[in-house]
Amino acid sequence: MNSWLIGYCVCVVLCCWVDLGACLEVPVQCGVYCGGPLLETIQRAGIFPDSKTFVDMPLKADPEDVLKNFHSLSNHSLDTLLQFLRENFLPAGSEILPWTPTDFHPNPPFVEKLQPNYRQFAIDVNNMWQFLGKTLAPDVSIHPTRYSIIPQPKPFIVPGDRFHEFYYWDSYWIISGLLVCDMQETALGIIQNALALIRSYGFVPNGARIYYLNRSQPPLLSEMIRRYLQADANMDLLEEALPLLLNEYNFWMDGDHAVTFPDGLVLNRFYSPNDQPRPESFIEDYNHSLGMDEKAAKEFFGHIAAGAESGEDFTSRWFRDADDIRTIETAQIIPVDLNSFMYKFESNMREFYRMLNRTSPIDFDGAMEKRREAMDRYLWNENANQWYDYSLTNATQILKSYPSNWFPIWSGAYDNTNRLNDNLLESLLSSGLVQQGGVQSTISFSGQQWDSPNSWAPHQSLVVRSLQRLGTPKALAAAEKVAKQWIDATHIGYQKTKMMHEKYNAYVPGDAGTGGEYPPQVGFGWTNGVTLEFLEEFGV
């Protein structure tokens, strides 16, 4: 057993693992699913092609008994391990049950306004909410320690395929699509699940599995609530959410996610205290760490988990060497997108307190002003007319273009004057990112799934909204062009395969994307959400 796993045992307090500034009680099944000899033995045996399969298998007995059974094995041969799995585990995901949303409409009103050639496509995409709807088996609440899933109060929508649980930033675009389809009740349930996670853990984890408790994802819950309130001015929801959102804000600002520069300005980074392979990608992380000494391996595992927290897992954006994932250094980078999300978080919180006529314990006006100053000083590049990620290692900007370089426009964290707008538009259009099948993630062909030639739904959404916020005729025309290219790409792909993919080829409209550490997935929650949102707005 590698030294970085020695001593990991069944315990209820994993302070160093979750790193929330205080000890956090973690279910005892973490000794099965989060690390330790059982996890390492099963994953290294290569029984499952996808490492996520094992950590999503419910237990047939309490975790203490399963661990006792494991330690009593006479050997770890493949036959012995297979027999052990049959006797102690249920099939992966068997605690997740199909659920048809009660507010599902087979023919939502917006469809009638669409161009005739889009109507059936919109109906078909809307129908997918029925198949992506899930709820938890009753036994999860009766025997919660037998599952890696975190109990949630409401049914939910999953991304698709291997991802059969709630995921944090995916849910923003899922909710946007649900609201287009007048499915407010389902959207509200997803928000309430996220609030319940903050109530339990002080933050929203990457996903609703206990092995995700050492990282979050881009903080978009306040934006989900803002978007929901546009459809339903539910002040009771805001009353419930506000103190919990404040807890989430403090999670991002009070610990290692916040970096203070010598001049006192503060910006945020993605960070995880993780120092072992991610359970759901164990064998991939383990194999990448081979040949590293203990210190280097632990640093690698921290950066790889921080890359997963970014939502862009993985991309050469986080690598020193664009072709080598072993050079990942996510936590040494101040990313433009995260700080744009945080600025929007602060802007939303300021507005929420005003809506409830409350006095905030945090000066969000001042926080926005300071963040804007820091982004201008460390991320903005006047010569290139875009923002760049910042390397803490080299104390300099990383002069590479990604869609996120323009997200400060979406968030409002920029000088919104006509003086800059044409230059910002030109810098995006000349970046090489905007292709006929979508806005690609990078211009680097590394084989990683968040690199060229792949285009992803969240990038299309945020780029379009950024262009719209620029507001010039040229920018608005560019926004419409990008949105319609995405509609056409997903429409062409659907006509070919009757599937919606998690990513597409930016150069070949309709072709599915490639690369990454797991097979390309179909479903697909945020792809459906962005497509429906664009259809409603640009498909008429």
Protein backbone atom coordinates (compact mmCIF):
# COMPACT_ATOMS: atom_id res chain seq x y z
CA MET A 1 0.00 0.00 0.00
CA ASN A 2 1.34 3.49 -0.85
CA SER A 3 2.36 5.58 2.15
CA TRP A 4 -0.18 8.29 1.34
CA LEU A 5 -2.96 5.81 2.17
CA ILE A 6 -1.45 4.29 5.30
CA GLY A 7 -3.47 5.09 8.37
CA TYR A 8 -6.71 5.93 6.57
CA CYS A 9 -9.40 4.22 8.61
CA VAL A 10 -13.10 4.23 9.38
CA CYS A 11 -13.65 7.43 11.28
CA VAL A 12 -16.30 10.07 11.78
CA VAL A 13 -14.02 13.09 11.78
CA LEU A 14 -11.92 13.82 8.71
CA CYS A 15 -10.87 17.39 9.42
CA CYS A 16 -7.81 17.47 7.19
CA TRP A 17 -9.70 15.87 4.32
CA VAL A 18 -12.62 18.30 4.14
CA ASP A 19 -10.66 21.33 5.42
CA LEU A 20 -13.62 23.49 6.35
CA GLY A 21 -11.84 25.29 9.14
CA ALA A 22 -13.43 23.01 11.73
CA CYS A 23 -13.98 19.32 12.21
CA LEU A 24 -16.82 18.04 10.08
CA GLU A 25 -18.63 14.85 10.82
CA VAL A 26 -18.42 12.61 7.77
CA PRO A 27 -20.45 9.39 7.49
CA VAL A 28 -18.56 6.28 8.50
CA GLN A 29 -18.96 4.82 5.02
CA CYS A 30 -16.17 7.18 3.98
CA GLY A 31 -13.88 4.38 5.14
CA VAL A 32 -15.22 2.38 2.19
CA TYR A 33 -15.78 5.05 -0.44
CA CYS A 34 -13.32 7.88 0.23
CA GLY A 35 -10.02 6.09 0.79
CA GLY A 36 -8.31 3.25 2.53
CA PRO A 37 -7.21 -0.35 1.84
CA LEU A 38 -10.58 -1.61 0.58
CA LEU A 39 -10.95 1.19 -1.98
CA GLU A 40 -7.35 0.90 -3.13
CA THR A 41 -7.48 -2.88 -3.46
CA ILE A 42 -10.69 -2.94 -5.51
CA GLN A 43 -9.71 -0.06 -7.76
CA ARG A 44 -6.18 -1.30 -8.42
CA ALA A 45 -7.54 -4.75 -9.27
CA GLY A 46 -8.99 -3.25 -12.45
CA ILE A 47 -12.36 -4.94 -11.99
CA PHE A 48 -14.32 -2.01 -13.39
CA PRO A 49 -13.35 -0.05 -16.52
CA ASP A 50 -14.71 3.11 -14.87
CA SER A 51 -13.42 3.86 -11.37
CA LYS A 52 -16.72 5.57 -10.53
CA THR A 53 -18.59 2.27 -10.73
CA PHE A 54 -17.26 0.88 -7.46
CA VAL A 55 -17.76 4.00 -5.34
CA ASP A 56 -21.40 4.17 -6.49
CA MET A 57 -22.19 0.61 -5.36
CA PRO A 58 -24.43 0.53 -2.26
CA LEU A 59 -23.52 -1.73 0.65
CA LYS A 60 -25.63 -4.73 1.60
CA ALA A 61 -24.68 -4.29 5.27
CA ASP A 62 -23.35 -1.54 7.52
CA PRO A 63 -19.88 -0.25 6.56
CA GLU A 64 -18.25 -1.57 9.72
CA ASP A 65 -19.37 -5.10 8.82
CA VAL A 66 -18.28 -4.77 5.19
CA LEU A 67 -14.84 -3.57 6.27
CA LYS A 68 -14.60 -6.44 8.73
CA ASN A 69 -15.44 -8.86 5.94
CA PHE A 70 -12.78 -7.32 3.74
CA HIS A 71 -10.07 -7.57 6.37
CA SER A 72 -10.94 -11.23 6.92
CA LEU A 73 -10.25 -12.16 3.28
CA SER A 74 -7.57 -14.82 2.95
CA ASN A 75 -6.18 -13.26 -0.22
CA HIS A 76 -6.88 -10.56 -2.78
CA SER A 77 -7.07 -12.68 -5.92
CA LEU A 78 -9.51 -11.56 -8.59
CA ASP A 79 -11.91 -14.40 -7.83
CA THR A 80 -11.85 -13.63 -4.11
CA LEU A 81 -12.51 -9.93 -4.71
CA LEU A 82 -15.36 -10.66 -7.12
CA GLN A 83 -16.96 -12.95 -4.56
CA PHE A 84 -16.49 -10.30 -1.87
CA LEU A 85 -18.23 -7.71 -4.09
CA ARG A 86 -21.14 -10.04 -4.83
CA GLU A 87 -21.67 -10.73 -1.13
CA ASN A 88 -21.29 -7.17 0.15
CA PHE A 89 -22.36 -4.72 -2.57
CA LEU A 90 -25.34 -3.93 -4.79
CA PRO A 91 -25.07 -2.71 -8.41
CA ALA A 92 -23.81 0.82 -8.92
CA GLY A 93 -26.55 3.41 -8.85
CA SER A 94 -29.26 1.00 -7.72
CA GLU A 95 -30.32 3.50 -5.05
CA ILE A 96 -31.30 5.96 -7.82
CA LEU A 97 -34.86 5.47 -9.08
CA PRO A 98 -36.56 6.87 -12.20
CA TRP A 99 -38.82 9.86 -11.55
CA THR A 100 -41.07 11.73 -13.91
CA PRO A 101 -41.28 15.37 -12.82
CA THR A 102 -44.81 16.16 -11.69
CA ASP A 103 -44.72 19.52 -13.53
CA PHE A 104 -43.56 18.06 -16.83
CA HIS A 105 -45.37 19.47 -19.88
CA PRO A 106 -45.14 17.37 -23.07
CA ASN A 107 -45.69 20.47 -25.19
CA PRO A 108 -44.56 23.61 -23.31
CA PRO A 109 -46.01 26.91 -24.58
CA PHE A 110 -42.73 28.32 -25.95
CA VAL A 111 -42.60 25.59 -28.60
CA GLU A 112 -45.48 27.10 -30.59
CA LYS A 113 -43.47 30.28 -31.12
CA LEU A 114 -40.52 28.47 -32.70
CA GLN A 115 -39.70 28.12 -36.36
CA PRO A 116 -41.45 24.98 -37.67
CA ASN A 117 -38.16 23.14 -38.30
CA TYR A 118 -37.23 23.48 -34.59
CA ARG A 119 -40.53 22.54 -32.95
CA GLN A 120 -40.18 18.77 -32.90
CA PHE A 121 -36.55 19.09 -31.81
CA ALA A 122 -37.60 21.29 -28.87
CA ILE A 123 -40.35 18.82 -27.91
CA ASP A 124 -37.88 15.94 -28.03
CA VAL A 125 -35.33 17.75 -25.89
CA ASN A 126 -38.03 18.73 -23.42
CA ASN A 127 -39.10 15.07 -23.23
CA MET A 128 -35.65 14.17 -21.94
CA TRP A 129 -36.46 15.72 -18.56
CA GLN A 130 -38.57 12.60 -17.96
CA PHE A 131 -35.57 10.34 -18.41
CA LEU A 132 -33.12 12.54 -16.52
CA GLY A 133 -35.48 12.86 -13.55
CA LYS A 134 -34.39 10.80 -10.53
CA THR A 135 -35.32 10.23 -6.91
CA LEU A 136 -33.70 8.25 -4.11
CA ALA A 137 -34.83 4.82 -2.95
CA PRO A 138 -36.52 4.95 0.49
CA ASP A 139 -33.74 2.84 2.00
CA VAL A 140 -31.27 5.73 1.59
CA SER A 141 -32.99 7.57 4.44
CA ILE A 142 -33.38 4.36 6.47
CA HIS A 143 -29.77 3.18 6.12
CA PRO A 144 -27.83 6.27 4.97
CA THR A 145 -24.43 4.84 5.94
CA ARG A 146 -24.80 2.09 3.35
CA TYR A 147 -24.60 4.55 0.46
CA SER A 148 -22.12 6.99 -1.03
CA ILE A 149 -25.05 9.14 -2.16
CA ILE A 150 -25.86 12.08 0.12
CA PRO A 151 -29.57 12.06 1.05
CA GLN A 152 -31.54 14.91 -0.52
CA PRO A 153 -35.05 16.10 0.33
CA LYS A 154 -36.33 16.49 -3.24
CA PRO A 155 -36.14 14.59 -6.55
CA PHE A 156 -33.63 15.99 -9.02
CA ILE A 157 -32.36 16.08 -12.60
CA VAL A 158 -29.08 14.35 -13.42
CA PRO A 159 -26.66 15.24 -16.23
CA GLY A 160 -26.89 11.75 -17.78
CA ASP A 161 -25.12 8.42 -18.28
CA ARG A 162 -22.46 7.83 -15.58
CA PHE A 163 -23.50 10.98 -13.73
CA HIS A 164 -26.62 9.78 -11.90
CA GLU A 165 -26.60 12.27 -9.03
CA PHE A 166 -26.83 16.05 -8.48
CA TYR A 167 -23.89 18.08 -9.78
CA TYR A 168 -23.36 21.64 -8.70
CA TRP A 169 -22.59 23.91 -11.62
CA ASP A 170 -24.41 21.70 -14.13
CA SER A 171 -27.58 22.55 -12.23
CA TYR A 172 -27.53 26.23 -13.20
CA TRP A 173 -28.09 25.42 -16.87
CA ILE A 174 -30.42 22.55 -16.05
CA ILE A 175 -32.56 24.97 -14.04
CA SER A 176 -32.49 27.51 -16.87
CA GLY A 177 -33.83 24.87 -19.25
CA LEU A 178 -36.47 23.71 -16.79
CA LEU A 179 -37.75 27.26 -16.39
CA VAL A 180 -38.01 27.64 -20.17
CA CYS A 181 -40.27 24.56 -20.03
CA ASP A 182 -42.37 26.01 -17.16
CA MET A 183 -41.07 23.38 -14.72
CA GLN A 184 -40.69 25.68 -11.74
CA GLU A 185 -41.43 23.03 -9.13
CA THR A 186 -38.61 20.78 -10.33
CA ALA A 187 -36.22 23.73 -10.55
CA LEU A 188 -37.11 24.77 -7.00
CA GLY A 189 -36.47 21.24 -5.75
CA ILE A 190 -32.94 21.29 -7.15
CA ILE A 191 -32.28 24.61 -5.41
CA GLN A 192 -33.67 23.26 -2.14
CA ASN A 193 -31.37 20.24 -2.41
CA ALA A 194 -28.38 22.54 -2.82
CA LEU A 195 -29.46 24.59 0.20
CA ALA A 196 -29.77 21.38 2.22
CA LEU A 197 -26.16 20.53 1.32
CA ILE A 198 -25.00 23.90 2.67
CA ARG A 199 -27.06 23.32 5.80
CA SER A 200 -25.22 20.02 6.35
CA TYR A 201 -21.71 20.86 5.20
CA GLY A 202 -21.35 24.64 4.96
CA PHE A 203 -20.89 24.57 1.18
CA VAL A 204 -22.20 22.89 -1.95
CA PRO A 205 -19.96 19.94 -2.84
CA ASN A 206 -18.99 19.05 -6.40
CA GLY A 207 -21.84 16.50 -6.39
CA ALA A 208 -24.12 14.71 -3.96
CA ARG A 209 -21.69 11.91 -3.08
CA ILE A 210 -19.65 11.73 0.10
CA TYR A 211 -16.44 11.30 -1.88
CA TYR A 212 -16.99 14.82 -3.25
CA LEU A 213 -16.90 16.46 0.18
CA ASN A 214 -13.37 17.81 -0.21
CA ARG A 215 -14.21 20.16 -3.07
CA SER A 216 -16.99 22.33 -4.46
CA GLN A 217 -17.63 23.61 -8.00
CA PRO A 218 -18.05 27.11 -9.48
CA PRO A 219 -20.36 28.94 -7.01
CA LEU A 220 -23.48 29.53 -9.07
CA LEU A 221 -26.21 28.85 -6.50
CA SER A 222 -26.97 32.53 -5.98
CA GLU A 223 -27.32 32.85 -9.74
CA MET A 224 -29.69 29.86 -9.84
CA ILE A 225 -31.83 31.59 -7.22
CA ARG A 226 -31.71 34.91 -9.06
CA ARG A 227 -32.78 33.15 -12.25
CA TYR A 228 -35.58 31.33 -10.40
CA LEU A 229 -36.87 34.53 -8.81
CA GLN A 230 -37.33 36.00 -12.28
CA ALA A 231 -39.91 33.27 -12.92
CA ASP A 232 -41.39 33.14 -9.42
CA ALA A 233 -40.91 35.99 -6.95
CA ASN A 234 -40.76 33.56 -4.04
CA MET A 235 -39.65 35.61 -1.06
CA ASP A 236 -39.94 32.60 1.23
CA LEU A 237 -37.22 30.92 -0.80
CA LEU A 238 -35.03 33.99 -0.50
CA GLU A 239 -35.61 34.14 3.27
CA GLU A 240 -34.51 30.52 3.57
CA ALA A 241 -31.58 30.87 1.19
CA LEU A 242 -29.94 34.08 2.31
CA PRO A 243 -28.19 32.88 5.51
CA LEU A 244 -27.12 29.69 3.73
CA LEU A 245 -25.71 31.64 0.79
CA LEU A 246 -23.79 33.71 3.30
CA ASN A 247 -22.28 30.48 4.66
CA GLU A 248 -21.28 29.48 1.14
CA TYR A 249 -19.72 32.88 0.50
CA ASN A 250 -17.67 32.57 3.68
CA PHE A 251 -16.55 29.09 2.58
CA TRP A 252 -14.97 30.65 -0.50
CA MET A 253 -13.57 33.71 1.28
CA ASP A 254 -12.37 32.48 4.70
CA GLY A 255 -10.04 29.62 3.78
CA ASP A 256 -7.49 28.52 1.22
CA HIS A 257 -9.73 29.44 -1.70
CA ALA A 258 -8.89 33.11 -1.09
CA VAL A 259 -5.44 34.48 -1.96
CA THR A 260 -4.24 37.77 -0.49
CA PHE A 261 -1.72 39.66 -2.61
CA PRO A 262 1.08 41.79 -1.10
CA ASP A 263 -0.99 44.93 -1.68
CA GLY A 264 -3.84 43.48 0.39
CA LEU A 265 -6.17 42.77 -2.53
CA VAL A 266 -7.88 39.36 -2.56
CA LEU A 267 -8.81 37.05 -5.41
CA ASN A 268 -10.03 33.46 -5.43
CA ARG A 269 -8.64 30.19 -6.73
CA PHE A 270 -9.81 26.61 -7.00
CA TYR A 271 -8.36 24.55 -4.18
CA SER A 272 -8.76 21.17 -2.48
CA PRO A 273 -6.88 19.74 0.52
CA ASN A 274 -7.04 16.35 -1.18
CA ASP A 275 -3.81 14.32 -0.97
CA GLN A 276 -4.87 10.98 -2.44
CA PRO A 277 -6.41 9.72 -5.70
CA ARG A 278 -9.97 10.86 -6.28
CA PRO A 279 -12.15 7.83 -5.44
CA GLU A 280 -14.27 8.15 -8.58
CA SER A 281 -11.13 8.39 -10.78
CA PHE A 282 -8.82 6.35 -8.59
CA ILE A 283 -6.92 4.31 -11.13
CA GLU A 284 -6.40 7.28 -13.47
CA ASP A 285 -4.96 9.42 -10.66
CA TYR A 286 -2.94 6.52 -9.26
CA ASN A 287 -1.36 5.72 -12.63
CA HIS A 288 -0.49 9.36 -13.26
CA SER A 289 1.26 9.51 -9.88
CA LEU A 290 3.55 6.55 -10.54
CA GLY A 291 7.18 7.59 -10.32
CA MET A 292 6.44 10.64 -8.16
CA ASP A 293 7.82 10.86 -4.65
CA GLU A 294 5.34 11.13 -1.79
CA LYS A 295 5.40 14.94 -1.66
CA ALA A 296 4.96 15.36 -5.40
CA ALA A 297 2.15 12.77 -5.47
CA LYS A 298 0.23 14.55 -2.70
CA GLU A 299 0.62 17.88 -4.49
CA PHE A 300 -0.55 16.28 -7.73
CA PHE A 301 -3.65 14.85 -6.03
CA GLY A 302 -4.47 18.30 -4.59
CA HIS A 303 -4.15 20.01 -7.95
CA ILE A 304 -6.14 17.31 -9.75
CA ALA A 305 -9.02 17.67 -7.26
CA ALA A 306 -8.86 21.46 -7.62
CA GLY A 307 -9.10 20.95 -11.38
CA ALA A 308 -12.23 18.88 -10.78
CA GLU A 309 -13.57 21.68 -8.57
CA SER A 310 -13.15 24.08 -11.50
CA GLY A 311 -15.66 22.02 -13.48
CA GLU A 312 -13.16 21.92 -16.35
CA ASP A 313 -11.70 18.50 -15.67
CA PHE A 314 -9.42 18.49 -17.45
CA THR A 315 -7.79 21.09 -19.65
CA SER A 316 -4.27 22.18 -20.57
CA ARG A 317 -5.32 25.49 -19.05
CA TRP A 318 -4.25 24.03 -15.69
CA PHE A 319 -0.98 22.41 -16.92
CA ARG A 320 2.55 23.79 -17.06
CA ASP A 321 3.14 21.51 -20.03
CA ALA A 322 0.02 21.49 -22.22
CA ASP A 323 0.53 17.85 -23.15
CA ASP A 324 1.22 16.46 -19.68
CA ILE A 325 -1.50 16.21 -17.01
CA ARG A 326 1.22 15.35 -14.48
CA THR A 327 2.22 19.04 -14.60
CA ILE A 328 -1.19 20.20 -13.39
CA GLU A 329 -1.02 23.15 -10.98
CA THR A 330 -4.63 24.35 -10.69
CA ALA A 331 -4.27 25.80 -7.20
CA GLN A 332 -1.37 27.96 -8.37
CA ILE A 333 -3.61 29.79 -10.83
CA ILE A 334 -5.98 32.69 -10.20
CA PRO A 335 -8.73 31.98 -12.75
CA VAL A 336 -10.73 34.68 -14.49
CA ASP A 337 -13.96 32.66 -14.45
CA LEU A 338 -13.99 31.92 -10.72
CA ASN A 339 -13.48 35.58 -9.88
CA SER A 340 -16.21 36.54 -12.34
CA PHE A 341 -18.52 34.06 -10.60
CA MET A 342 -17.53 35.49 -7.22
CA TYR A 343 -18.20 39.05 -8.39
CA LYS A 344 -21.64 37.94 -9.57
CA PHE A 345 -22.15 36.17 -6.23
CA GLU A 346 -21.38 39.43 -4.43
CA SER A 347 -23.64 41.39 -6.76
CA ASN A 348 -26.50 38.95 -6.19
CA MET A 349 -26.04 39.02 -2.43
CA ARG A 350 -26.17 42.79 -2.41
CA GLU A 351 -29.41 42.65 -4.38
CA PHE A 352 -30.94 39.91 -2.21
CA TYR A 353 -30.39 41.90 0.99
CA ARG A 354 -31.99 44.91 -0.65
CA MET A 355 -34.97 42.84 -1.82
CA LEU A 356 -35.61 41.72 1.76
CA ASN A 357 -34.81 45.17 3.15
CA ARG A 358 -32.11 43.65 5.35
CA THR A 359 -28.72 44.95 6.43
CA SER A 360 -25.96 42.64 5.30
CA PRO A 361 -23.22 41.63 7.76
CA ILE A 362 -20.80 41.94 4.82
CA ASP A 363 -20.24 45.12 2.81
CA PHE A 364 -20.92 43.60 -0.60
CA ASP A 365 -20.59 46.97 -2.33
CA GLY A 366 -17.10 47.23 -0.92
CA ALA A 367 -16.35 43.60 -1.75
CA MET A 368 -17.34 44.16 -5.38
CA GLU A 369 -15.26 47.30 -5.59
CA LYS A 370 -12.20 45.54 -4.17
CA ARG A 371 -12.61 42.51 -6.42
CA ARG A 372 -13.00 44.72 -9.47
CA GLU A 373 -9.84 46.58 -8.48
CA ALA A 374 -7.96 43.30 -8.05
CA MET A 375 -9.22 41.91 -11.36
CA ASP A 376 -8.19 45.12 -13.12
CA ARG A 377 -4.74 45.02 -11.55
CA TYR A 378 -3.87 41.33 -11.88
CA LEU A 379 -6.08 39.88 -14.62
CA TRP A 380 -6.90 42.66 -17.10
CA ASN A 381 -4.53 43.13 -20.06
CA GLU A 382 -5.04 46.42 -21.84
CA ASN A 383 -2.87 45.50 -24.81
CA ALA A 384 -4.83 42.31 -25.51
CA ASN A 385 -8.24 43.70 -24.53
CA GLN A 386 -9.11 40.67 -22.43
CA TRP A 387 -8.56 39.27 -18.97
CA TYR A 388 -6.00 36.51 -18.39
CA ASP A 389 -5.55 33.88 -15.69
CA TYR A 390 -2.72 34.72 -13.29
CA SER A 391 0.10 32.38 -12.27
CA LEU A 392 0.98 32.54 -8.58
CA THR A 393 4.12 30.53 -9.34
CA ASN A 394 5.49 33.10 -11.79
CA ALA A 395 3.60 36.17 -10.51
CA THR A 396 2.51 36.97 -14.04
CA GLN A 397 -0.45 36.67 -16.37
CA ILE A 398 -0.84 33.50 -18.42
CA LEU A 399 -1.16 34.93 -21.93
CA LYS A 400 -3.53 32.34 -23.35
CA SER A 401 -7.11 32.82 -24.48
CA TYR A 402 -10.02 30.82 -23.08
CA PRO A 403 -13.76 31.60 -23.21
CA SER A 404 -13.54 32.53 -19.53
CA ASN A 405 -11.27 35.47 -20.42
CA TRP A 406 -14.44 37.38 -21.31
CA PHE A 407 -16.67 36.28 -18.41
CA PRO A 408 -16.05 39.52 -16.45
CA ILE A 409 -18.35 41.11 -19.02
CA TRP A 410 -21.14 38.70 -18.09
CA SER A 411 -20.64 39.37 -14.40
CA GLY A 412 -20.49 43.14 -14.78
CA ALA A 413 -16.95 43.37 -13.40
CA TYR A 414 -15.66 45.69 -16.12
CA ASP A 415 -15.80 49.25 -17.39
CA ASN A 416 -19.12 49.16 -19.22
CA THR A 417 -18.44 51.99 -21.64
CA ASN A 418 -18.51 52.09 -25.41
CA ARG A 419 -14.80 52.88 -25.32
CA LEU A 420 -13.95 49.24 -24.61
CA ASN A 421 -16.80 47.30 -26.17
CA ASP A 422 -15.57 47.13 -29.77
CA ASN A 423 -12.08 46.12 -28.63
CA LEU A 424 -13.45 43.40 -26.34
CA LEU A 425 -15.55 42.02 -29.17
CA GLU A 426 -12.65 42.01 -31.60
CA SER A 427 -10.35 40.28 -29.11
CA LEU A 428 -12.87 37.44 -28.73
CA LEU A 429 -13.61 37.05 -32.44
CA SER A 430 -9.90 37.00 -33.32
CA SER A 431 -8.96 34.53 -30.56
CA GLY A 432 -9.55 31.39 -32.65
CA LEU A 433 -12.07 30.13 -30.11
CA VAL A 434 -15.22 30.86 -32.10
CA GLN A 435 -15.76 28.14 -34.70
CA GLN A 436 -18.70 27.09 -36.86
CA GLY A 437 -19.80 24.34 -34.44
CA GLY A 438 -19.44 26.34 -31.25
CA VAL A 439 -17.00 28.19 -29.03
CA GLN A 440 -14.19 25.76 -28.27
CA SER A 441 -12.65 25.53 -24.82
CA THR A 442 -9.07 26.27 -25.88
CA ILE A 443 -7.01 26.28 -29.07
CA SER A 444 -4.77 23.52 -27.65
CA PHE A 445 -5.18 19.96 -29.01
CA SER A 446 -4.04 18.10 -25.90
CA GLY A 447 -6.48 15.18 -25.88
CA GLN A 448 -8.14 16.54 -22.74
CA GLN A 449 -11.90 16.94 -22.98
CA TRP A 450 -11.92 20.64 -22.04
CA ASP A 451 -9.52 21.47 -24.87
CA SER A 452 -9.86 21.90 -28.60
CA PRO A 453 -11.76 20.78 -30.60
CA ASN A 454 -14.50 20.46 -27.96
CA SER A 455 -17.27 22.95 -27.31
CA TRP A 456 -19.33 22.82 -24.10
CA ALA A 457 -22.75 24.19 -23.23
CA PRO A 458 -21.72 26.45 -20.32
CA HIS A 459 -19.15 28.24 -22.48
CA GLN A 460 -21.74 28.91 -25.20
CA SER A 461 -24.16 30.30 -22.63
CA LEU A 462 -21.71 32.59 -20.88
CA VAL A 463 -20.10 33.83 -24.10
CA VAL A 464 -23.52 34.67 -25.56
CA ARG A 465 -24.56 36.49 -22.38
CA SER A 466 -21.24 38.36 -22.34
CA LEU A 467 -21.73 39.49 -25.94
CA GLN A 468 -25.26 40.59 -25.16
CA ARG A 469 -24.02 42.61 -22.22
CA LEU A 470 -21.61 44.45 -24.51
CA GLY A 471 -24.76 45.65 -26.20
CA THR A 472 -23.35 47.02 -29.47
CA PRO A 473 -25.01 46.02 -32.76
CA LYS A 474 -21.95 43.98 -33.73
CA ALA A 475 -21.82 42.24 -30.35
CA LEU A 476 -25.54 41.44 -30.42
CA ALA A 477 -25.20 40.02 -33.92
CA ALA A 478 -22.26 37.91 -32.76
CA ALA A 479 -24.28 36.65 -29.78
CA GLU A 480 -27.11 35.58 -32.05
CA LYS A 481 -24.68 33.87 -34.44
CA VAL A 482 -23.01 31.87 -31.65
CA ALA A 483 -26.38 30.86 -30.19
CA LYS A 484 -27.77 29.75 -33.55
CA GLN A 485 -24.61 27.79 -34.31
CA TRP A 486 -25.11 25.90 -31.06
CA ILE A 487 -28.78 25.26 -31.84
CA ASP A 488 -27.81 23.96 -35.26
CA ALA A 489 -24.96 21.81 -33.90
CA THR A 490 -27.15 20.11 -31.31
CA HIS A 491 -30.01 19.78 -33.84
CA ILE A 492 -27.75 18.15 -36.44
CA GLY A 493 -26.29 15.84 -33.82
CA TYR A 494 -29.74 14.87 -32.62
CA GLN A 495 -30.94 14.13 -36.14
CA LYS A 496 -27.97 11.80 -36.59
CA THR A 497 -28.03 9.97 -33.26
CA LYS A 498 -31.26 10.89 -31.41
CA MET A 499 -28.96 11.86 -28.54
CA MET A 500 -27.82 15.03 -26.81
CA HIS A 501 -24.13 14.97 -25.91
CA GLU A 502 -22.19 16.53 -23.06
CA LYS A 503 -19.78 18.16 -25.55
CA TYR A 504 -19.51 18.72 -29.31
CA ASN A 505 -16.85 19.19 -31.97
CA ALA A 506 -16.48 22.91 -32.61
CA TYR A 507 -15.19 22.29 -36.14
CA VAL A 508 -17.76 19.71 -37.31
CA PRO A 509 -21.28 20.83 -36.34
CA GLY A 510 -23.23 18.00 -34.77
CA ASP A 511 -20.30 15.67 -34.10
CA ALA A 512 -19.84 14.61 -30.49
CA GLY A 513 -16.75 15.74 -28.61
CA THR A 514 -13.89 13.46 -27.66
CA GLY A 515 -11.09 12.99 -25.14
CA GLY A 516 -10.93 12.88 -21.37
CA GLU A 517 -10.64 10.17 -18.73
CA TYR A 518 -14.08 8.61 -19.31
CA PRO A 519 -16.11 7.83 -22.47
CA PRO A 520 -18.17 10.71 -23.93
CA GLN A 521 -21.54 10.91 -22.22
CA VAL A 522 -25.06 11.45 -23.51
CA GLY A 523 -28.14 12.85 -21.84
CA PHE A 524 -27.27 15.63 -21.26
CA GLY A 525 -28.50 18.04 -18.62
CA TRP A 526 -26.73 21.30 -19.33
CA THR A 527 -26.64 20.72 -23.09
CA ASN A 528 -30.43 20.39 -23.02
CA GLY A 529 -30.79 23.45 -20.80
CA VAL A 530 -28.69 25.76 -22.94
CA THR A 531 -30.25 24.47 -26.17
CA LEU A 532 -33.77 25.07 -24.85
CA GLU A 533 -32.84 28.52 -23.58
CA PHE A 534 -31.34 29.45 -26.95
CA LEU A 535 -34.32 27.98 -28.83
CA GLU A 536 -36.74 30.10 -26.82
CA GLU A 537 -34.73 33.26 -27.48
CA PHE A 538 -33.24 32.76 -30.95
CA GLY A 539 -35.35 30.00 -32.55
CA VAL A 540 -38.44 32.10 -33.23
